[in-house]
Protein backbone atom coordinates (compact mmCIF):
# COMPACT_ATOMS: atom_id res chain seq x y z
CA MET A 1 85.49 96.89 111.02
CA ILE A 2 89.63 97.43 110.55
CA LYS A 3 90.52 95.37 113.61
CA LYS A 4 88.32 92.30 112.37
CA ASN A 5 90.35 92.86 108.41
CA TRP A 6 93.63 92.99 110.70
CA THR A 7 92.57 89.89 112.24
CA ILE A 8 91.63 87.97 110.02
CA SER A 9 94.80 88.87 108.11
CA PHE A 10 97.33 88.60 110.59
CA ILE A 11 95.39 85.03 111.40
CA CYS A 12 96.33 83.99 107.45
CA LEU A 13 99.96 85.26 108.15
CA ILE A 14 100.49 83.02 110.78
CA LEU A 15 98.33 80.05 108.91
CA ALA A 16 100.45 80.43 106.28
CA GLY A 17 103.72 79.79 108.78
CA LEU A 18 102.34 76.84 109.86
CA PHE A 19 101.24 75.40 106.22
CA PHE A 20 104.87 74.65 105.88
CA SER A 21 105.65 73.15 109.65
CA PRO A 22 105.08 69.57 110.59
CA VAL A 23 102.11 70.91 113.10
CA SER A 24 100.12 71.15 109.69
CA ILE A 25 100.32 67.37 108.92
CA LEU A 26 98.99 66.57 112.16
CA ALA A 27 95.59 68.06 111.35
CA ASP A 28 92.17 66.40 110.89
CA GLN A 29 91.67 65.90 107.13
CA THR A 30 88.65 64.08 107.46
CA GLN A 31 85.82 66.23 108.56
CA GLY A 32 83.56 66.85 105.93
CA LYS A 33 83.80 66.04 102.24
CA LYS A 34 86.92 66.71 100.46
CA GLU A 35 85.82 68.55 97.76
CA ILE A 36 82.98 70.81 97.99
CA SER A 37 80.87 72.16 94.68
CA LEU A 38 79.85 75.25 95.71
CA TYR A 39 77.22 77.69 93.31
CA GLY A 40 78.98 80.40 91.49
CA GLY A 41 76.15 81.81 89.44
CA LYS A 42 76.78 83.12 86.20
CA SER A 43 80.83 82.77 85.93
CA GLY A 44 80.38 78.65 87.07
CA ASN A 45 80.78 76.98 89.91
CA ILE A 46 83.58 76.72 92.26
CA LEU A 47 85.39 73.31 93.07
CA PHE A 48 86.34 74.23 97.05
CA PRO A 49 89.04 71.92 98.27
CA HIS A 50 87.62 71.30 101.78
CA HIS A 51 90.47 69.24 102.99
CA LEU A 52 93.11 71.14 101.78
CA HIS A 53 91.80 74.19 103.64
CA GLN A 54 91.50 72.45 106.69
CA SER A 55 94.99 71.47 106.51
CA ILE A 56 96.05 74.82 105.98
CA VAL A 57 93.43 76.66 108.40
CA GLU A 58 93.01 74.09 110.82
CA ASP A 59 90.51 76.26 113.19
CA CYS A 60 86.98 75.89 111.61
CA GLN A 61 85.98 78.69 112.69
CA THR A 62 88.16 80.73 110.36
CA CYS A 63 85.92 80.27 107.97
CA HIS A 64 82.43 79.24 109.08
CA ASP A 65 82.13 81.86 111.38
CA ASP A 66 79.35 83.21 109.48
CA PHE A 67 77.97 80.13 108.52
CA ALA A 68 77.07 76.68 109.66
CA GLN A 69 79.07 73.37 109.27
CA GLU A 70 76.71 71.61 107.53
CA GLU A 71 75.93 70.75 103.81
CA GLY A 72 74.09 73.39 101.96
CA ALA A 73 74.76 75.76 104.82
CA LEU A 74 76.34 78.71 102.47
CA GLU A 75 73.55 78.90 100.09
CA ALA A 76 71.03 78.69 103.02
CA ALA A 77 72.67 82.03 104.46
CA LYS A 78 72.64 83.43 101.24
CA LYS A 79 68.71 82.95 100.62
CA ALA A 80 68.22 83.86 104.35
CA ASP A 81 69.80 87.09 103.75
CA VAL A 82 72.00 86.01 106.26
CA LEU A 83 74.98 86.47 104.38
CA LYS A 84 75.22 88.77 100.86
CA LYS A 85 75.72 87.38 97.43
CA LYS A 86 79.81 87.64 97.26
CA GLN A 87 80.18 88.22 101.30
CA VAL A 88 82.35 84.98 102.37
CA MET A 89 84.41 84.99 98.71
CA ASN A 90 84.96 88.67 98.99
CA GLU A 91 85.65 89.29 102.91
CA THR A 92 87.44 85.70 103.80
CA CYS A 93 88.71 84.04 100.94
CA LEU A 94 90.05 86.44 98.70
CA LYS A 95 91.72 89.00 101.68
CA CYS A 96 93.31 85.52 103.46
CA HIS A 97 94.77 84.66 99.74
CA ARG A 98 95.73 88.10 98.90
CA ALA A 99 97.11 88.53 102.59
CA LEU A 100 99.38 85.52 101.70
CA LYS A 101 100.06 86.71 98.28
CA LYS A 102 101.70 90.08 99.61
CA ALA A 103 102.94 88.06 102.37
CA GLY A 104 105.61 85.91 99.87
CA GLU A 105 103.74 83.10 101.00
CA LYS A 106 101.74 80.42 98.63
CA SER A 107 98.68 81.46 98.30
CA GLY A 108 95.21 80.40 96.84
CA PRO A 109 93.56 81.81 93.86
CA THR A 110 93.15 85.78 93.82
CA SER A 111 90.97 86.36 91.03
CA CYS A 112 87.29 84.74 90.24
CA LYS A 113 88.48 83.27 86.98
CA GLU A 114 91.02 81.35 88.60
CA CYS A 115 87.98 79.55 91.05
CA HIS A 116 84.83 79.42 88.45
CA THR A 117 84.64 77.14 86.36
CA LYS A 118 82.42 76.88 82.93
């Protein structure tokens, strides 16, 4: 578990460096929807900038390791008890954003209220 957490943090730091390099410009930003509205429960939905993440992360499996690359897959995995309710947000999204912030790099939101909109 510690190795997986370290690996995710390391990958996020490397990808942050690529964010400002010309390599990120070459990333295919046309797969899937530009923005995705994710169900966010009582706190409100989350407008997820999918293409922005594709240009920064580049390897789809970084996020899609836990759920399929198809519309509705995240919610379907939660309903099938393959994923816990906040598993992806806490173990993938926030860990990456916080690692970038800690490294002094530009990062995404690091608190719940920054993503959830009512």
